């Protein structure tokens, strides 16, 4: 849709400078913008890109307003957030038209809410409850006794295992598997014995789960993902894990069984959290870190060896073998000095 800059400013609650009648019909990055596009900058270092951009208007912080000449601007405390809000106004998502595809298989005992869309070849089991306004994508499998809240988007080929609970306003992307058995095994008489998984998975409101992410059901108690969590693609969440509200986790993270992660945490890509650990609220774990013990205070935590030139890495790796003897030598010297 097209919207003039004055109307857009009013809708976003932002101060406008210049260009009241400029028509905004799209959004773009600074280098790719054409006339009619809205852009944003968050930092002074992008001013040089703005000078060469063809965008119609830009959202930026108050302290940069005097440095962009006569270009129409919207002033925002958080330009990125305001830009995201503008996208929703300029490029609104097309509403789904409620429909139940003829090829879908819906058990007689399932309860389907109002304005629900169920795509081709989806399977809805007995005792399932699907809330109003929810969309179930093609080939999704919703096993028995699952409950899905209102206004959710369950994309194609998602599997929700038996008795999983999904809150309102959630989005689960293609290929995710929620509620498979966890990796619970007991060694007995020289052979592995599978531990029954009698728990399930509870997902709070406004949670987003990325493509091909897996969240295992609990053994006795439930695995819990609290409200507002955002999980990227290809994450493994093992049985009986609890993830606190509004925590964000990037791709390829592995979380072992019975770990507890606090609220408002951020875990970067390919990090690993070992089982039965507890992580405090507002902890940030940087990429590829290995968490091997409890984290009891908020802060930023890292582990691992940063990238080095290959020859230097091999040299340092060879020296690791001498660290123990070096430490013993230093300890002997300190003892002599005493």
Protein backbone atom coordinates (compact mmCIF):
# COMPACT_ATOMS: atom_id res chain seq x y z
CA UNK A 1 0.00 0.00 0.00
CA UNK A 2 1.02 3.65 -0.40
CA UNK A 3 0.92 6.12 2.49
CA UNK A 4 2.02 9.77 2.70
CA UNK A 5 4.78 10.63 5.14
CA UNK A 6 2.57 12.82 7.34
CA UNK A 7 0.07 9.99 7.84
CA UNK A 8 2.87 7.52 8.46
CA UNK A 9 4.39 9.82 11.09
CA UNK A 10 1.03 10.11 12.86
CA UNK A 11 0.48 6.35 12.79
CA UNK A 12 3.93 5.71 14.23
CA UNK A 13 3.82 8.56 16.74
CA UNK A 14 7.00 10.14 15.32
CA UNK A 15 8.07 13.71 14.63
CA UNK A 16 8.31 14.52 10.90
CA UNK A 17 10.59 17.04 9.26
CA UNK A 18 9.79 17.91 5.66
CA UNK A 19 8.04 15.97 2.92
CA UNK A 20 4.52 15.82 4.36
CA UNK A 21 3.05 14.76 1.00
CA UNK A 22 5.86 12.38 0.00
CA UNK A 23 4.31 9.03 -0.90
CA UNK A 24 5.88 5.97 0.73
CA UNK A 25 5.13 2.74 -1.10
CA UNK A 26 7.90 0.40 0.02
CA UNK A 27 10.82 -0.25 2.37
CA UNK A 28 14.44 -1.01 1.47
CA UNK A 29 18.06 -0.89 2.55
CA UNK A 30 19.94 2.30 1.80
CA UNK A 31 21.91 0.92 -1.19
CA UNK A 32 18.92 -0.71 -2.89
CA UNK A 33 16.26 1.96 -2.21
CA UNK A 34 14.45 3.69 -5.03
CA UNK A 35 12.04 6.63 -5.03
CA UNK A 36 9.08 5.79 -2.82
CA UNK A 37 11.09 3.66 -0.38
CA UNK A 38 11.51 4.28 3.33
CA UNK A 39 14.87 3.50 4.98
CA UNK A 40 16.37 3.88 8.44
CA UNK A 41 19.75 4.56 9.99
CA UNK A 42 20.66 3.84 13.59
CA UNK A 43 24.19 5.16 13.69
CA UNK A 44 26.30 8.03 12.35
CA UNK A 45 28.54 5.67 10.36
CA UNK A 46 25.70 5.09 7.87
CA UNK A 47 25.33 8.77 6.92
CA UNK A 48 27.66 8.33 3.94
CA UNK A 49 25.41 5.56 2.60
CA UNK A 50 22.37 7.79 3.07
CA UNK A 51 23.98 10.54 1.00
CA UNK A 52 24.12 8.20 -2.01
CA UNK A 53 20.72 6.60 -1.43
CA UNK A 54 17.64 7.31 -3.55
CA UNK A 55 15.20 6.66 -0.71
CA UNK A 56 12.22 8.98 -0.34
CA UNK A 57 12.55 9.37 3.43
CA UNK A 58 14.53 8.00 6.35
CA UNK A 59 13.89 7.22 10.00
CA UNK A 60 16.80 8.32 12.18
CA UNK A 61 17.75 9.49 15.69
CA UNK A 62 17.20 13.09 16.75
CA UNK A 63 20.94 13.84 16.96
CA UNK A 64 21.44 13.09 13.25
CA UNK A 65 18.56 15.20 11.93
CA UNK A 66 20.73 18.23 11.22
CA UNK A 67 23.18 16.24 9.10
CA UNK A 68 20.94 15.05 6.25
CA UNK A 69 20.16 18.32 4.48
CA UNK A 70 16.62 18.73 3.22
CA UNK A 71 15.83 15.01 2.94
CA UNK A 72 12.45 14.18 4.58
CA UNK A 73 12.96 12.42 7.91
CA UNK A 74 11.07 10.82 10.78
CA UNK A 75 12.73 11.17 14.18
CA UNK A 76 12.70 8.15 16.48
CA UNK A 77 14.31 7.13 19.77
CA UNK A 78 14.75 3.64 18.31
CA UNK A 79 14.83 3.91 14.49
CA UNK A 80 15.08 0.17 13.89
CA UNK A 81 11.98 -0.55 15.98
CA UNK A 82 10.04 2.23 14.27
CA UNK A 83 11.14 0.89 10.88
CA UNK A 84 9.78 -2.55 11.76
CA UNK A 85 6.48 -0.92 12.77
CA UNK A 86 6.44 0.95 9.46
CA UNK A 87 6.88 -2.31 7.53
CA UNK A 88 3.69 -3.64 9.12
CA UNK A 89 1.81 -0.56 7.86
CA UNK A 90 3.34 -0.38 4.38
CA UNK A 91 3.56 -4.13 3.68
CA UNK A 92 0.83 -5.70 5.81
CA UNK A 93 0.65 -9.49 5.79
CA UNK A 94 -2.16 -10.87 3.67
CA UNK A 95 -4.88 -12.27 5.94
CA UNK A 96 -5.42 -15.99 5.59
CA UNK A 97 -8.84 -17.00 4.30
CA UNK A 98 -10.34 -19.62 6.59
CA UNK A 99 -10.66 -22.99 4.86
CA UNK A 100 -10.32 -26.72 5.54
CA UNK A 101 -8.64 -28.47 2.62
CA UNK A 102 -10.48 -31.57 1.38
CA UNK A 103 -7.28 -33.65 1.58
CA UNK A 104 -6.70 -32.88 5.26
CA UNK A 105 -7.52 -35.67 7.71
CA UNK A 106 -9.34 -34.34 10.77
CA UNK A 107 -10.40 -36.77 13.50
CA UNK A 108 -14.03 -36.73 14.51
CA UNK A 109 -13.06 -35.86 18.08
CA UNK A 110 -11.01 -32.79 17.13
CA UNK A 111 -12.38 -29.35 18.02
CA UNK A 112 -11.61 -26.69 15.43
CA UNK A 113 -12.18 -23.01 16.30
CA UNK A 114 -13.57 -20.23 14.14
CA UNK A 115 -11.71 -18.86 11.10
CA UNK A 116 -9.17 -21.71 11.14
CA UNK A 117 -7.23 -22.66 8.00
CA UNK A 118 -5.98 -26.23 7.57
CA UNK A 119 -3.81 -26.94 4.53
CA UNK A 120 -3.50 -29.89 2.19
CA UNK A 121 -2.61 -33.30 3.66
CA UNK A 122 -2.51 -32.01 7.24
CA UNK A 123 -3.40 -34.61 9.89
CA UNK A 124 -5.35 -33.56 12.99
CA UNK A 125 -5.63 -36.24 15.67
CA UNK A 126 -8.37 -37.13 18.11
CA UNK A 127 -8.89 -34.80 21.06
CA UNK A 128 -7.00 -31.93 19.40
CA UNK A 129 -8.16 -28.37 20.10
CA UNK A 130 -7.24 -25.59 17.66
CA UNK A 131 -7.98 -21.98 18.65
CA UNK A 132 -9.75 -19.34 16.59
CA UNK A 133 -7.85 -17.77 13.71
CA UNK A 134 -5.03 -20.33 13.65
CA UNK A 135 -3.44 -21.58 10.43
CA UNK A 136 -2.16 -25.15 10.04
CA UNK A 137 0.14 -25.59 7.03
CA UNK A 138 0.33 -28.32 4.42
CA UNK A 139 1.45 -31.71 5.67
CA UNK A 140 1.52 -30.71 9.34
CA UNK A 141 0.83 -33.47 11.85
CA UNK A 142 -1.00 -32.58 15.05
CA UNK A 143 -1.13 -35.70 17.22
CA UNK A 144 -3.83 -36.60 19.71
CA UNK A 145 -4.76 -34.33 22.62
CA UNK A 146 -2.68 -31.38 21.41
CA UNK A 147 -3.95 -27.89 22.22
CA UNK A 148 -3.05 -24.95 19.99
CA UNK A 149 -4.09 -21.45 21.03
CA UNK A 150 -5.73 -18.75 18.98
CA UNK A 151 -4.02 -16.82 16.17
CA UNK A 152 -1.11 -19.23 15.75
CA UNK A 153 0.72 -20.04 12.53
CA UNK A 154 1.83 -23.67 12.29
CA UNK A 155 3.76 -23.94 9.03
CA UNK A 156 4.09 -26.88 6.66
CA UNK A 157 5.43 -30.25 7.88
CA UNK A 158 5.47 -29.25 11.55
CA UNK A 159 4.87 -32.15 13.94
CA UNK A 160 3.27 -31.56 17.32
CA UNK A 161 3.49 -34.72 19.42
CA UNK A 162 0.78 -36.02 21.70
CA UNK A 163 -0.56 -33.65 24.37
CA UNK A 164 1.73 -30.74 23.44
CA UNK A 165 0.40 -27.34 24.55
CA UNK A 166 0.97 -24.26 22.37
CA UNK A 167 -0.11 -20.83 23.62
CA UNK A 168 -1.75 -17.98 21.71
CA UNK A 169 -0.03 -15.99 18.99
CA UNK A 170 2.77 -18.50 18.37
CA UNK A 171 4.56 -19.21 15.10
CA UNK A 172 6.24 -22.56 14.42
CA UNK A 173 8.19 -22.76 11.18
CA UNK A 174 8.44 -25.57 8.66
CA UNK A 175 9.81 -28.92 9.72
CA UNK A 176 9.94 -28.26 13.47
CA UNK A 177 9.26 -31.28 15.68
CA UNK A 178 7.79 -30.53 19.08
CA UNK A 179 7.22 -33.37 21.52
CA UNK A 180 9.30 -36.28 20.24
CA UNK A 181 10.76 -38.57 22.90
CA UNK A 182 13.93 -37.31 24.54
CA UNK A 183 17.27 -39.14 24.43
CA UNK A 184 16.69 -40.99 27.68
CA UNK A 185 18.53 -44.29 28.04
CA UNK A 186 19.59 -46.51 30.93
CA UNK A 187 22.45 -48.99 30.71
CA UNK A 188 21.38 -52.34 32.20
CA UNK A 189 23.03 -55.75 31.80
CA UNK A 190 25.20 -54.50 28.95
CA UNK A 191 22.38 -53.03 26.86
CA UNK A 192 20.61 -49.69 26.57
CA UNK A 193 17.06 -49.58 27.95
CA UNK A 194 14.79 -46.79 26.71
CA UNK A 195 13.30 -44.59 29.44
CA UNK A 196 9.59 -43.88 28.82
CA UNK A 197 8.79 -40.21 28.25
CA UNK A 198 5.47 -39.54 29.97
CA UNK A 199 5.71 -35.74 30.06
CA UNK A 200 4.99 -33.33 27.23
CA UNK A 201 5.96 -29.84 26.03
CA UNK A 202 4.39 -26.57 27.16
CA UNK A 203 4.88 -23.50 24.97
CA UNK A 204 3.75 -20.09 26.23
CA UNK A 205 2.10 -17.24 24.32
CA UNK A 206 3.92 -15.28 21.60
CA UNK A 207 6.68 -17.85 21.09
CA UNK A 208 8.42 -18.28 17.72
CA UNK A 209 10.21 -21.53 16.85
CA UNK A 210 12.42 -21.78 13.77
CA UNK A 211 12.52 -24.27 10.94
CA UNK A 212 13.70 -27.81 11.78
CA UNK A 213 14.13 -27.02 15.46
CA UNK A 214 13.38 -29.94 17.81
CA UNK A 215 12.01 -29.73 21.34
CA UNK A 216 11.78 -33.06 23.17
CA UNK A 217 9.02 -34.02 25.60
CA UNK A 218 9.86 -34.50 29.25
CA UNK A 219 10.41 -37.85 30.88
CA UNK A 220 8.09 -37.24 33.83
CA UNK A 221 7.60 -33.46 34.03
CA UNK A 222 7.12 -31.27 30.97
CA UNK A 223 9.67 -29.43 28.87
CA UNK A 224 8.70 -25.74 29.14
CA UNK A 225 9.26 -22.79 26.79
CA UNK A 226 7.89 -19.70 28.52
CA UNK A 227 6.11 -16.78 26.86
CA UNK A 228 7.85 -14.50 24.38
CA UNK A 229 10.80 -16.82 23.66
CA UNK A 230 12.32 -16.66 20.19
CA UNK A 231 14.14 -19.76 18.92
CA UNK A 232 16.01 -19.80 15.62
CA UNK A 233 16.37 -22.68 13.14
CA UNK A 234 17.94 -26.08 13.90
CA UNK A 235 18.08 -25.81 17.68
CA UNK A 236 17.98 -28.94 19.86
CA UNK A 237 16.14 -28.59 23.17
CA UNK A 238 16.33 -31.83 25.16
CA UNK A 239 13.86 -33.31 27.62
CA UNK A 240 12.85 -31.43 30.76
CA UNK A 241 14.61 -28.22 29.75
CA UNK A 242 13.00 -24.99 30.96
CA UNK A 243 13.61 -21.75 29.03
CA UNK A 244 12.57 -18.52 30.74
CA UNK A 245 10.34 -15.85 29.24
CA UNK A 246 11.63 -13.60 26.43
CA UNK A 247 14.88 -15.50 25.94
CA UNK A 248 16.31 -15.53 22.38
CA UNK A 249 18.40 -18.44 21.07
CA UNK A 250 20.25 -18.46 17.73
CA UNK A 251 20.67 -21.32 15.28
CA UNK A 252 22.40 -24.64 16.00
CA UNK A 253 22.42 -24.28 19.79
CA UNK A 254 22.23 -27.56 21.74
CA UNK A 255 20.65 -27.64 25.20
CA UNK A 256 21.03 -30.91 27.10
CA UNK A 257 18.41 -32.46 29.35
CA UNK A 258 17.07 -30.76 32.49
CA UNK A 259 18.97 -27.51 31.94
CA UNK A 260 17.22 -24.37 33.18
CA UNK A 261 17.74 -21.09 31.32
CA UNK A 262 16.57 -17.81 32.83
CA UNK A 263 14.45 -14.95 31.52
CA UNK A 264 15.71 -12.41 28.97
CA UNK A 265 18.81 -14.46 28.12
CA UNK A 266 20.55 -14.39 24.74
CA UNK A 267 22.39 -17.45 23.45
CA UNK A 268 24.39 -17.04 20.24
CA UNK A 269 24.82 -19.58 17.46
CA UNK A 270 26.26 -23.08 18.01
CA UNK A 271 26.64 -22.67 21.78
CA UNK A 272 26.13 -25.78 23.91
CA UNK A 273 24.58 -25.95 27.40
CA UNK A 274 25.25 -29.15 29.32
CA UNK A 275 22.51 -30.95 31.21
CA UNK A 276 21.19 -30.21 34.71
CA UNK A 277 22.72 -26.72 34.71
CA UNK A 278 21.05 -23.48 35.76
CA UNK A 279 21.58 -20.14 34.00
CA UNK A 280 20.49 -16.89 35.68
CA UNK A 281 18.25 -14.22 34.13
CA UNK A 282 19.73 -11.75 31.61
CA UNK A 283 22.77 -13.82 30.69
CA UNK A 284 24.36 -13.52 27.23
CA UNK A 285 26.38 -16.49 25.93
CA UNK A 286 28.52 -15.77 22.88
CA UNK A 287 28.79 -17.97 19.80
CA UNK A 288 30.21 -21.51 20.06
CA UNK A 289 30.61 -21.30 23.84
CA UNK A 290 30.41 -24.46 25.96
CA UNK A 291 28.56 -23.98 29.26
CA UNK A 292 29.81 -26.59 31.73
CA UNK A 293 28.67 -25.17 35.07
CA UNK A 294 25.92 -23.00 36.54
CA UNK A 295 25.88 -19.29 35.69
CA UNK A 296 24.59 -17.49 38.76
CA UNK A 297 24.88 -13.83 37.78
CA UNK A 298 23.75 -11.74 34.81
CA UNK A 299 26.46 -10.82 32.31
CA UNK A 300 28.23 -11.85 29.11
CA UNK A 301 30.03 -15.22 29.03
CA UNK A 302 32.34 -16.76 26.41
CA UNK A 303 34.55 -19.79 25.84
CA UNK A 304 36.44 -21.40 22.99
CA UNK A 305 39.43 -20.38 20.85
CA UNK A 306 38.96 -17.54 18.35
CA UNK A 307 40.00 -18.07 14.75
CA UNK A 308 43.74 -17.91 14.05
CA UNK A 309 45.93 -18.31 10.98
CA UNK A 310 46.39 -22.08 10.60
CA UNK A 311 50.14 -22.24 11.24
CA UNK A 312 49.81 -20.15 14.42
CA UNK A 313 46.88 -22.30 15.61
CA UNK A 314 48.96 -25.48 15.21
CA UNK A 315 51.85 -23.90 17.12
CA UNK A 316 49.59 -22.85 19.99
CA UNK A 317 47.87 -26.21 20.02
CA UNK A 318 51.23 -27.96 20.40
CA UNK A 319 52.06 -25.71 23.34
CA UNK A 320 48.87 -26.64 25.17
CA UNK A 321 50.53 -29.96 26.00
CA UNK A 322 53.17 -28.09 28.01
CA UNK A 323 50.76 -26.01 30.07
CA UNK A 324 50.58 -28.47 32.95
CA UNK A 325 54.35 -28.69 33.34
CA UNK A 326 54.60 -24.90 33.00
CA UNK A 327 52.07 -24.43 35.79
CA UNK A 328 53.98 -26.89 38.01
CA UNK A 329 57.24 -25.02 37.33
CA UNK A 330 55.69 -21.69 38.26
CA UNK A 331 54.26 -23.21 41.44
CA UNK A 332 57.73 -24.55 42.42
CA UNK A 333 59.31 -21.13 41.84
CA UNK A 334 56.68 -19.42 43.94
CA UNK A 335 57.20 -21.95 46.72
CA UNK A 336 60.97 -21.28 46.73
CA UNK A 337 60.41 -17.53 46.99
CA UNK A 338 58.35 -18.04 50.12
